């Protein structure tokens, strides 16, 4: 690598680490109020409806519709992200979750049903920035690493987009030319 490339890479790495540290610090400062808000939300919504009751094992059911249309019905625990469900259930979704949930790519992009999308928290600026890079973006797109299961989401169906924008594939193509 040239010295300019090395400096650019080093700066990008430093910037990324600084951004991650800043986000973690900001999150930790707001953690008590966030926990209180989540607890308050969960306490007030415990008796909403029984149509979302969990299975006998206490797990949330999720159906993934793969790129080829195959329906993959799996389960996960309340609080698990959709990315964790894919990894834990060893679903074969090519390129999914390249950054392992660190909010640094858009490979866990999923398309949600409108009713499910409306139940989720507001999208963070970081997630929105990454979704801008996602292949096949829709009005109900979210990153799987940012969507956590709740009993209200039991029985939801999510669709895997037809393609994925994965920087690793671009790097491989660039090095082979």
N, C-alpha and C. Protein backbone atom coordinates (compact mmCIF):
# COMPACT_ATOMS: atom_id res chain seq x y z
N UNK A 1 0.85 -1.19 0.00
CA UNK A 1 0.00 0.00 0.00
C UNK A 1 0.89 1.24 0.00
N UNK A 2 0.40 2.26 -0.68
CA UNK A 2 1.14 3.52 -0.69
C UNK A 2 0.96 4.20 0.65
N UNK A 3 1.83 5.17 0.94
CA UNK A 3 1.74 5.87 2.22
C UNK A 3 0.45 6.67 2.32
N UNK A 4 -0.06 7.19 1.19
CA UNK A 4 -1.32 7.93 1.21
C UNK A 4 -2.47 6.99 1.56
N UNK A 5 -2.49 5.81 0.94
CA UNK A 5 -3.52 4.82 1.22
C UNK A 5 -3.46 4.40 2.69
N UNK A 6 -2.27 4.19 3.20
CA UNK A 6 -2.09 3.81 4.59
C UNK A 6 -2.64 4.88 5.52
N UNK A 7 -2.33 6.16 5.22
CA UNK A 7 -2.82 7.25 6.07
C UNK A 7 -4.35 7.36 6.00
N UNK A 8 -4.91 7.19 4.81
CA UNK A 8 -6.37 7.25 4.68
C UNK A 8 -7.02 6.12 5.46
N UNK A 9 -6.47 4.92 5.32
CA UNK A 9 -7.01 3.77 6.03
C UNK A 9 -6.90 3.98 7.54
N UNK A 10 -5.78 4.47 8.00
CA UNK A 10 -5.56 4.72 9.42
C UNK A 10 -6.53 5.76 9.96
N UNK A 11 -6.74 6.83 9.18
CA UNK A 11 -7.68 7.88 9.59
C UNK A 11 -9.11 7.33 9.65
N UNK A 12 -9.49 6.53 8.65
CA UNK A 12 -10.83 5.97 8.62
C UNK A 12 -11.04 5.04 9.81
N UNK A 13 -10.02 4.24 10.12
CA UNK A 13 -10.11 3.33 11.26
C UNK A 13 -10.24 4.12 12.55
N UNK A 14 -9.42 5.14 12.71
CA UNK A 14 -9.48 5.98 13.91
C UNK A 14 -10.84 6.65 14.02
N UNK A 15 -11.34 7.20 12.91
CA UNK A 15 -12.64 7.86 12.92
C UNK A 15 -13.73 6.88 13.31
N UNK A 16 -13.68 5.66 12.75
CA UNK A 16 -14.69 4.65 13.07
C UNK A 16 -14.66 4.28 14.54
N UNK A 17 -13.46 4.11 15.10
CA UNK A 17 -13.35 3.77 16.52
C UNK A 17 -13.82 4.92 17.40
N UNK A 18 -13.48 6.15 17.01
CA UNK A 18 -13.94 7.31 17.78
C UNK A 18 -15.46 7.41 17.74
N UNK A 19 -16.04 7.17 16.57
CA UNK A 19 -17.50 7.23 16.43
C UNK A 19 -18.16 6.16 17.29
N UNK A 20 -17.60 4.95 17.28
CA UNK A 20 -18.13 3.87 18.09
C UNK A 20 -18.02 4.21 19.57
N UNK A 21 -16.87 4.71 20.02
CA UNK A 21 -16.69 5.07 21.42
C UNK A 21 -17.64 6.19 21.83
N UNK A 22 -17.82 7.18 20.96
CA UNK A 22 -18.74 8.28 21.25
C UNK A 22 -20.16 7.77 21.39
N UNK A 23 -20.57 6.87 20.48
CA UNK A 23 -21.92 6.30 20.55
C UNK A 23 -22.11 5.49 21.83
N UNK A 24 -21.09 4.70 22.20
CA UNK A 24 -21.19 3.90 23.42
C UNK A 24 -21.28 4.79 24.65
N UNK A 25 -20.48 5.85 24.68
CA UNK A 25 -20.51 6.78 25.81
C UNK A 25 -21.87 7.45 25.91
N UNK A 26 -22.39 7.91 24.79
CA UNK A 26 -23.70 8.57 24.80
C UNK A 26 -24.79 7.59 25.26
N UNK A 27 -24.70 6.36 24.80
CA UNK A 27 -25.68 5.35 25.19
C UNK A 27 -25.59 5.04 26.67
N UNK A 28 -24.36 4.91 27.20
CA UNK A 28 -24.21 4.57 28.61
C UNK A 28 -24.70 5.69 29.51
N UNK A 29 -24.55 6.93 29.09
CA UNK A 29 -25.05 8.05 29.89
C UNK A 29 -26.57 8.03 29.98
N UNK A 30 -27.23 7.57 28.94
CA UNK A 30 -28.69 7.55 28.91
C UNK A 30 -29.26 6.21 29.34
N UNK A 31 -28.41 5.27 29.71
CA UNK A 31 -28.86 3.93 30.02
C UNK A 31 -29.92 3.87 31.12
N UNK A 32 -29.74 4.52 32.28
CA UNK A 32 -30.78 4.42 33.31
C UNK A 32 -32.15 4.91 32.82
N UNK A 33 -32.18 6.02 32.09
CA UNK A 33 -33.46 6.52 31.60
C UNK A 33 -34.02 5.61 30.52
N UNK A 34 -33.14 5.02 29.70
CA UNK A 34 -33.59 4.09 28.67
C UNK A 34 -34.18 2.85 29.31
N UNK A 35 -33.50 2.30 30.31
CA UNK A 35 -34.02 1.11 31.00
C UNK A 35 -35.36 1.42 31.64
N UNK A 36 -35.46 2.58 32.29
CA UNK A 36 -36.72 2.98 32.92
C UNK A 36 -37.82 3.08 31.87
N UNK A 37 -37.52 3.69 30.73
CA UNK A 37 -38.53 3.84 29.67
C UNK A 37 -38.98 2.49 29.14
N UNK A 38 -38.03 1.58 28.91
CA UNK A 38 -38.36 0.26 28.39
C UNK A 38 -39.19 -0.49 29.42
N UNK A 39 -38.78 -0.42 30.70
CA UNK A 39 -39.53 -1.10 31.75
C UNK A 39 -40.95 -0.54 31.84
N UNK A 40 -41.06 0.77 31.75
CA UNK A 40 -42.37 1.42 31.80
C UNK A 40 -43.23 0.95 30.63
N UNK A 41 -42.62 0.89 29.43
CA UNK A 41 -43.34 0.44 28.24
C UNK A 41 -43.80 -1.00 28.41
N UNK A 42 -42.88 -1.86 28.87
CA UNK A 42 -43.23 -3.27 29.04
C UNK A 42 -44.29 -3.45 30.12
N UNK A 43 -44.21 -2.69 31.20
CA UNK A 43 -45.18 -2.81 32.28
C UNK A 43 -46.56 -2.41 31.82
N UNK A 44 -46.63 -1.35 31.01
CA UNK A 44 -47.93 -0.87 30.58
C UNK A 44 -48.52 -1.70 29.46
N UNK A 45 -47.71 -2.51 28.79
CA UNK A 45 -48.22 -3.25 27.64
C UNK A 45 -48.38 -4.74 27.92
N UNK A 46 -48.25 -5.17 29.15
CA UNK A 46 -48.29 -6.59 29.46
C UNK A 46 -49.63 -7.24 29.14
N UNK A 47 -50.70 -6.49 29.23
CA UNK A 47 -52.01 -7.10 29.01
C UNK A 47 -52.66 -6.61 27.73
N UNK A 48 -51.85 -6.25 26.74
CA UNK A 48 -52.40 -5.73 25.50
C UNK A 48 -53.32 -6.72 24.80
N UNK A 49 -52.79 -7.89 24.48
CA UNK A 49 -53.57 -8.85 23.71
C UNK A 49 -52.99 -10.24 23.88
N UNK A 50 -53.80 -11.24 23.65
CA UNK A 50 -53.30 -12.62 23.73
C UNK A 50 -53.02 -13.19 22.34
N UNK A 51 -53.28 -12.39 21.29
CA UNK A 51 -53.05 -12.90 19.94
C UNK A 51 -51.56 -13.08 19.65
N UNK A 52 -50.71 -12.52 20.50
CA UNK A 52 -49.27 -12.64 20.30
C UNK A 52 -48.64 -13.56 21.34
N UNK A 53 -49.42 -14.44 21.94
CA UNK A 53 -48.87 -15.27 23.00
C UNK A 53 -47.73 -16.11 22.45
N UNK A 54 -46.75 -16.30 23.31
CA UNK A 54 -45.56 -17.04 22.92
C UNK A 54 -45.86 -18.53 22.85
N UNK A 55 -44.99 -19.24 22.17
CA UNK A 55 -45.14 -20.68 22.07
C UNK A 55 -44.94 -21.33 23.43
N UNK A 56 -45.16 -22.63 23.52
CA UNK A 56 -45.04 -23.34 24.79
C UNK A 56 -43.64 -23.25 25.40
N UNK A 57 -42.64 -23.03 24.58
CA UNK A 57 -41.27 -22.92 25.07
C UNK A 57 -40.90 -21.48 25.41
N UNK A 58 -41.87 -20.53 25.31
CA UNK A 58 -41.60 -19.13 25.64
C UNK A 58 -40.81 -18.39 24.59
N UNK A 59 -40.78 -18.90 23.38
CA UNK A 59 -40.01 -18.27 22.32
C UNK A 59 -40.91 -17.55 21.33
N UNK A 60 -40.31 -16.58 20.63
CA UNK A 60 -41.00 -15.80 19.61
C UNK A 60 -40.77 -16.46 18.26
N UNK A 61 -41.85 -16.64 17.51
CA UNK A 61 -41.78 -17.26 16.19
C UNK A 61 -41.57 -16.19 15.12
N UNK A 62 -40.62 -16.44 14.22
CA UNK A 62 -40.32 -15.54 13.11
C UNK A 62 -40.20 -16.36 11.83
N UNK A 63 -40.82 -15.87 10.76
CA UNK A 63 -40.66 -16.52 9.46
C UNK A 63 -39.85 -15.61 8.56
N UNK A 64 -38.73 -16.13 8.07
CA UNK A 64 -37.89 -15.41 7.11
C UNK A 64 -38.24 -15.92 5.72
N UNK A 65 -38.49 -15.01 4.79
CA UNK A 65 -38.71 -15.38 3.40
C UNK A 65 -37.39 -15.10 2.69
N UNK A 66 -36.72 -16.17 2.25
CA UNK A 66 -35.39 -16.04 1.65
C UNK A 66 -35.46 -15.42 0.26
N UNK A 67 -34.31 -15.16 -0.31
CA UNK A 67 -34.22 -14.54 -1.64
C UNK A 67 -34.90 -15.39 -2.72
N UNK A 68 -34.90 -16.70 -2.53
CA UNK A 68 -35.53 -17.58 -3.52
C UNK A 68 -36.99 -17.91 -3.18
N UNK A 69 -37.54 -17.25 -2.14
CA UNK A 69 -38.94 -17.43 -1.78
C UNK A 69 -39.20 -18.51 -0.74
N UNK A 70 -38.17 -19.22 -0.33
CA UNK A 70 -38.33 -20.26 0.67
C UNK A 70 -38.70 -19.63 2.02
N UNK A 71 -39.68 -20.21 2.71
CA UNK A 71 -40.13 -19.71 4.02
C UNK A 71 -39.41 -20.51 5.11
N UNK A 72 -38.66 -19.81 5.94
CA UNK A 72 -37.88 -20.44 7.00
C UNK A 72 -38.47 -20.02 8.35
N UNK A 73 -39.21 -20.91 9.00
CA UNK A 73 -39.84 -20.58 10.27
C UNK A 73 -38.92 -21.02 11.41
N UNK A 74 -38.54 -20.04 12.24
CA UNK A 74 -37.62 -20.29 13.34
C UNK A 74 -38.15 -19.58 14.60
N UNK A 75 -37.45 -19.78 15.71
CA UNK A 75 -37.83 -19.12 16.95
C UNK A 75 -36.60 -18.46 17.58
N UNK A 76 -36.86 -17.46 18.41
CA UNK A 76 -35.82 -16.78 19.15
C UNK A 76 -36.37 -16.32 20.49
N UNK A 77 -35.49 -15.90 21.35
CA UNK A 77 -35.89 -15.43 22.67
C UNK A 77 -36.26 -13.96 22.64
N UNK A 78 -37.16 -13.56 23.52
CA UNK A 78 -37.49 -12.14 23.66
C UNK A 78 -36.19 -11.39 23.96
N UNK A 79 -35.94 -10.31 23.23
CA UNK A 79 -34.72 -9.52 23.40
C UNK A 79 -33.64 -9.83 22.38
N UNK A 80 -33.72 -11.00 21.73
CA UNK A 80 -32.75 -11.34 20.68
C UNK A 80 -32.98 -10.45 19.47
N UNK A 81 -31.90 -10.07 18.80
CA UNK A 81 -32.04 -9.34 17.53
C UNK A 81 -32.34 -10.35 16.43
N UNK A 82 -32.89 -9.86 15.33
CA UNK A 82 -33.13 -10.75 14.19
C UNK A 82 -31.82 -11.31 13.66
N UNK A 83 -30.74 -10.53 13.74
CA UNK A 83 -29.42 -11.03 13.34
C UNK A 83 -29.02 -12.22 14.20
N UNK A 84 -29.21 -12.12 15.51
CA UNK A 84 -28.86 -13.22 16.42
C UNK A 84 -29.69 -14.46 16.09
N UNK A 85 -30.95 -14.27 15.76
CA UNK A 85 -31.81 -15.40 15.40
C UNK A 85 -31.25 -16.10 14.16
N UNK A 86 -30.87 -15.33 13.15
CA UNK A 86 -30.31 -15.91 11.92
C UNK A 86 -29.04 -16.71 12.24
N UNK A 87 -28.17 -16.13 13.05
CA UNK A 87 -26.91 -16.79 13.39
C UNK A 87 -27.16 -18.04 14.25
N UNK A 88 -27.97 -17.89 15.31
CA UNK A 88 -28.23 -19.01 16.21
C UNK A 88 -28.93 -20.17 15.52
N UNK A 89 -29.82 -19.86 14.57
CA UNK A 89 -30.56 -20.90 13.86
C UNK A 89 -29.82 -21.40 12.62
N UNK A 90 -28.63 -20.82 12.39
CA UNK A 90 -27.77 -21.22 11.26
C UNK A 90 -28.50 -21.16 9.92
N UNK A 91 -29.26 -20.06 9.73
CA UNK A 91 -29.96 -19.87 8.46
C UNK A 91 -28.94 -19.53 7.38
N UNK A 92 -29.10 -20.11 6.22
CA UNK A 92 -28.16 -19.89 5.11
C UNK A 92 -28.62 -18.69 4.28
N UNK A 93 -28.23 -17.50 4.76
CA UNK A 93 -28.54 -16.25 4.05
C UNK A 93 -27.19 -15.63 3.69
N UNK A 94 -26.84 -15.73 2.42
CA UNK A 94 -25.52 -15.32 1.94
C UNK A 94 -25.19 -13.88 2.30
N UNK A 95 -24.04 -13.67 2.96
CA UNK A 95 -23.53 -12.34 3.27
C UNK A 95 -24.20 -11.66 4.45
N UNK A 96 -25.15 -12.31 5.10
CA UNK A 96 -25.95 -11.69 6.15
C UNK A 96 -25.11 -11.44 7.40
N UNK A 97 -25.13 -10.19 7.89
CA UNK A 97 -24.48 -9.85 9.16
C UNK A 97 -22.97 -9.79 9.10
N UNK A 98 -22.42 -9.23 8.05
CA UNK A 98 -20.97 -9.19 7.87
C UNK A 98 -20.24 -8.50 9.02
N UNK A 99 -20.84 -7.47 9.62
CA UNK A 99 -20.17 -6.74 10.70
C UNK A 99 -20.51 -7.30 12.07
N UNK A 100 -21.24 -8.39 12.10
CA UNK A 100 -21.61 -9.09 13.34
C UNK A 100 -22.41 -8.20 14.29
N UNK A 101 -23.21 -7.32 13.75
CA UNK A 101 -24.10 -6.51 14.58
C UNK A 101 -23.50 -5.26 15.17
N UNK A 102 -22.38 -4.79 14.63
CA UNK A 102 -21.73 -3.59 15.18
C UNK A 102 -22.22 -2.31 14.52
N UNK A 103 -23.26 -2.40 13.73
CA UNK A 103 -23.84 -1.26 13.03
C UNK A 103 -22.80 -0.57 12.14
N UNK A 104 -22.13 -1.42 11.32
CA UNK A 104 -21.09 -0.91 10.43
C UNK A 104 -21.31 -1.33 8.98
N UNK A 105 -22.44 -1.98 8.67
CA UNK A 105 -22.74 -2.37 7.29
C UNK A 105 -24.25 -2.45 7.14
N UNK A 106 -24.70 -2.90 5.98
CA UNK A 106 -26.15 -3.05 5.78
C UNK A 106 -26.50 -4.45 5.29
N UNK A 107 -25.64 -5.42 5.58
CA UNK A 107 -25.85 -6.77 5.06
C UNK A 107 -26.97 -7.53 5.78
N UNK A 108 -27.42 -7.02 6.93
CA UNK A 108 -28.54 -7.67 7.63
C UNK A 108 -29.86 -6.95 7.34
N UNK A 109 -29.89 -6.22 6.23
CA UNK A 109 -31.09 -5.51 5.80
C UNK A 109 -32.24 -6.49 5.60
N UNK A 110 -33.38 -6.16 6.19
CA UNK A 110 -34.59 -6.97 6.05
C UNK A 110 -35.77 -6.06 5.71
N UNK A 111 -36.77 -6.62 5.07
CA UNK A 111 -37.98 -5.87 4.74
C UNK A 111 -39.10 -6.44 5.60
N UNK A 112 -39.72 -5.57 6.38
CA UNK A 112 -40.73 -5.97 7.34
C UNK A 112 -42.14 -5.71 6.82
N UNK A 113 -43.10 -6.40 7.38
CA UNK A 113 -44.50 -6.10 7.10
C UNK A 113 -44.80 -4.73 7.70
N UNK A 114 -45.71 -4.00 7.09
CA UNK A 114 -46.04 -2.65 7.55
C UNK A 114 -46.50 -2.65 9.02
N UNK A 115 -47.32 -3.61 9.40
CA UNK A 115 -47.82 -3.67 10.78
C UNK A 115 -46.70 -3.90 11.78
N UNK A 116 -45.70 -4.69 11.42
CA UNK A 116 -44.55 -4.95 12.28
C UNK A 116 -43.68 -3.70 12.36
N UNK A 117 -43.43 -3.10 11.20
CA UNK A 117 -42.59 -1.90 11.14
C UNK A 117 -43.12 -0.81 12.07
N UNK A 118 -44.42 -0.63 12.10
CA UNK A 118 -45.04 0.42 12.92
C UNK A 118 -44.91 0.17 14.41
N UNK A 119 -44.65 -1.07 14.81
CA UNK A 119 -44.50 -1.41 16.23
C UNK A 119 -43.10 -1.14 16.76
N UNK A 120 -42.15 -0.92 15.88
CA UNK A 120 -40.76 -0.79 16.29
C UNK A 120 -40.42 0.63 16.72
N UNK A 121 -39.31 0.74 17.47
CA UNK A 121 -38.81 2.06 17.87
C UNK A 121 -38.37 2.85 16.64
N UNK A 122 -38.19 4.14 16.82
CA UNK A 122 -37.74 5.02 15.75
C UNK A 122 -36.32 4.62 15.33
N UNK A 123 -36.05 4.70 14.05
CA UNK A 123 -34.73 4.37 13.50
C UNK A 123 -33.71 5.42 13.93
N UNK A 124 -32.55 4.96 14.37
CA UNK A 124 -31.47 5.88 14.74
C UNK A 124 -30.85 6.47 13.47
N UNK A 125 -30.15 7.58 13.63
CA UNK A 125 -29.46 8.19 12.49
C UNK A 125 -28.43 7.24 11.90
N UNK A 126 -27.72 6.50 12.76
CA UNK A 126 -26.69 5.57 12.28
C UNK A 126 -27.31 4.47 11.43
N UNK A 127 -28.44 3.93 11.89
CA UNK A 127 -29.11 2.89 11.11
C UNK A 127 -29.61 3.45 9.79
N UNK A 128 -30.17 4.65 9.82
CA UNK A 128 -30.69 5.27 8.59
C UNK A 128 -29.55 5.49 7.59
N UNK A 129 -28.40 5.93 8.07
CA UNK A 129 -27.25 6.13 7.18
C UNK A 129 -26.86 4.83 6.49
N UNK A 130 -26.86 3.74 7.24
CA UNK A 130 -26.49 2.44 6.66
C UNK A 130 -27.58 1.91 5.74
N UNK A 131 -28.83 2.14 6.08
CA UNK A 131 -29.91 1.70 5.20
C UNK A 131 -29.84 2.40 3.84
N UNK A 132 -29.32 3.64 3.83
CA UNK A 132 -29.16 4.35 2.56
C UNK A 132 -28.25 3.58 1.60
N UNK A 133 -27.38 2.72 2.14
CA UNK A 133 -26.45 1.92 1.33
C UNK A 133 -27.02 0.55 0.96
N UNK A 134 -28.17 0.21 1.52
CA UNK A 134 -28.73 -1.13 1.35
C UNK A 134 -29.33 -1.33 -0.04
N UNK A 135 -29.24 -2.55 -0.52
CA UNK A 135 -29.82 -2.94 -1.81
C UNK A 135 -31.31 -3.14 -1.61
N UNK A 136 -32.14 -2.61 -2.51
CA UNK A 136 -33.57 -2.86 -2.46
C UNK A 136 -34.29 -2.20 -1.30
N UNK A 137 -33.86 -1.02 -0.92
CA UNK A 137 -34.44 -0.30 0.21
C UNK A 137 -35.93 -0.04 -0.01
N UNK A 138 -36.74 -0.24 1.04
CA UNK A 138 -38.18 0.02 0.99
C UNK A 138 -38.57 0.92 2.16
N UNK A 139 -39.82 1.31 2.20
CA UNK A 139 -40.32 2.13 3.31
C UNK A 139 -40.35 1.37 4.63
N UNK A 140 -40.31 0.04 4.57
CA UNK A 140 -40.35 -0.76 5.80
C UNK A 140 -39.05 -1.54 6.01
N UNK A 141 -37.95 -1.03 5.49
CA UNK A 141 -36.65 -1.67 5.66
C UNK A 141 -36.07 -1.37 7.04
N UNK A 142 -35.44 -2.35 7.63
CA UNK A 142 -34.69 -2.17 8.88
C UNK A 142 -33.49 -3.09 8.85
N UNK A 143 -32.52 -2.82 9.70
CA UNK A 143 -31.36 -3.70 9.85
C UNK A 143 -31.70 -4.74 10.92
N UNK A 144 -31.44 -6.00 10.60
CA UNK A 144 -31.76 -7.08 11.52
C UNK A 144 -31.05 -6.99 12.85
N UNK A 145 -29.88 -6.36 12.87
CA UNK A 145 -29.15 -6.21 14.13
C UNK A 145 -29.80 -5.18 15.05
N UNK A 146 -30.73 -4.39 14.53
CA UNK A 146 -31.36 -3.32 15.31
C UNK A 146 -32.80 -3.64 15.70
N UNK A 147 -33.33 -4.77 15.25
CA UNK A 147 -34.70 -5.16 15.57
C UNK A 147 -34.66 -6.29 16.58
N UNK A 148 -35.16 -6.02 17.78
CA UNK A 148 -35.17 -7.02 18.85
C UNK A 148 -36.56 -7.61 19.01
N UNK A 149 -36.59 -8.91 19.26
CA UNK A 149 -37.85 -9.62 19.40
C UNK A 149 -38.57 -9.23 20.68
N UNK A 150 -39.87 -9.14 20.57
CA UNK A 150 -40.75 -8.95 21.73
C UNK A 150 -41.93 -9.87 21.52
N UNK A 151 -42.69 -10.11 22.57
CA UNK A 151 -43.82 -11.03 22.41
C UNK A 151 -44.86 -10.47 21.45
N UNK A 152 -44.90 -9.12 21.30
CA UNK A 152 -45.83 -8.51 20.35
C UNK A 152 -45.46 -8.82 18.90
N UNK A 153 -44.21 -9.19 18.66
CA UNK A 153 -43.76 -9.51 17.30
C UNK A 153 -43.88 -10.99 16.97
N UNK A 154 -44.39 -11.78 17.91
CA UNK A 154 -44.53 -13.21 17.69
C UNK A 154 -45.36 -13.48 16.44
N UNK A 155 -44.84 -14.34 15.56
CA UNK A 155 -45.53 -14.70 14.33
C UNK A 155 -45.22 -13.79 13.16
N UNK A 156 -44.30 -12.87 13.33
CA UNK A 156 -43.99 -11.93 12.25
C UNK A 156 -43.28 -12.63 11.10
N UNK A 157 -43.40 -12.01 9.92
CA UNK A 157 -42.72 -12.49 8.72
C UNK A 157 -41.83 -11.36 8.21
N UNK A 158 -40.59 -11.68 7.90
CA UNK A 158 -39.65 -10.70 7.33
C UNK A 158 -39.10 -11.25 6.03
N UNK A 159 -38.82 -10.36 5.11
CA UNK A 159 -38.33 -10.77 3.79
C UNK A 159 -36.89 -10.32 3.63
N UNK A 160 -36.06 -11.23 3.14
CA UNK A 160 -34.67 -10.93 2.81
C UNK A 160 -34.67 -10.31 1.42
N UNK A 161 -34.04 -9.13 1.23
CA UNK A 161 -34.02 -8.51 -0.10
C UNK A 161 -33.32 -9.39 -1.13
N UNK A 162 -33.58 -9.10 -2.40
CA UNK A 162 -33.02 -9.91 -3.49
C UNK A 162 -31.51 -9.85 -3.59
N UNK A 163 -30.90 -8.79 -3.08
CA UNK A 163 -29.45 -8.65 -3.15
C UNK A 163 -28.92 -8.01 -1.90
N UNK A 164 -27.60 -7.90 -1.85
CA UNK A 164 -26.94 -7.30 -0.69
C UNK A 164 -25.76 -6.47 -1.18
N UNK A 165 -25.58 -5.32 -0.58
CA UNK A 165 -24.39 -4.51 -0.84
C UNK A 165 -23.37 -4.85 0.23
N UNK A 166 -22.36 -5.59 -0.14
CA UNK A 166 -21.33 -6.04 0.81
C UNK A 166 -19.98 -5.55 0.32
N UNK A 167 -19.39 -4.64 1.08
CA UNK A 167 -18.11 -4.03 0.71
C UNK A 167 -17.01 -5.09 0.53
N UNK A 168 -17.12 -6.21 1.23
CA UNK A 168 -16.12 -7.27 1.08
C UNK A 168 -16.11 -7.82 -0.34
N UNK A 169 -17.28 -7.92 -0.97
CA UNK A 169 -17.36 -8.40 -2.34
C UNK A 169 -16.72 -7.40 -3.29
N UNK A 170 -16.91 -6.11 -3.03
CA UNK A 170 -16.29 -5.09 -3.87
C UNK A 170 -14.79 -5.13 -3.75
N UNK A 171 -14.28 -5.37 -2.51
CA UNK A 171 -12.84 -5.47 -2.30
C UNK A 171 -12.26 -6.67 -3.06
N UNK A 172 -12.99 -7.80 -3.04
CA UNK A 172 -12.52 -9.00 -3.74
C UNK A 172 -12.47 -8.76 -5.24
N UNK A 173 -13.46 -8.07 -5.79
CA UNK A 173 -13.49 -7.80 -7.22
C UNK A 173 -12.36 -6.85 -7.61
N UNK A 174 -12.09 -5.87 -6.77
CA UNK A 174 -11.03 -4.90 -7.05
C UNK A 174 -9.66 -5.53 -7.02
N UNK A 175 -9.44 -6.51 -6.14
CA UNK A 175 -8.11 -7.12 -6.04
C UNK A 175 -7.86 -8.14 -7.14
N UNK A 176 -8.93 -8.61 -7.80
CA UNK A 176 -8.73 -9.61 -8.85
C UNK A 176 -8.51 -8.99 -10.21
N UNK A 177 -8.68 -7.66 -10.33
CA UNK A 177 -8.48 -7.04 -11.64
C UNK A 177 -7.07 -6.60 -11.85
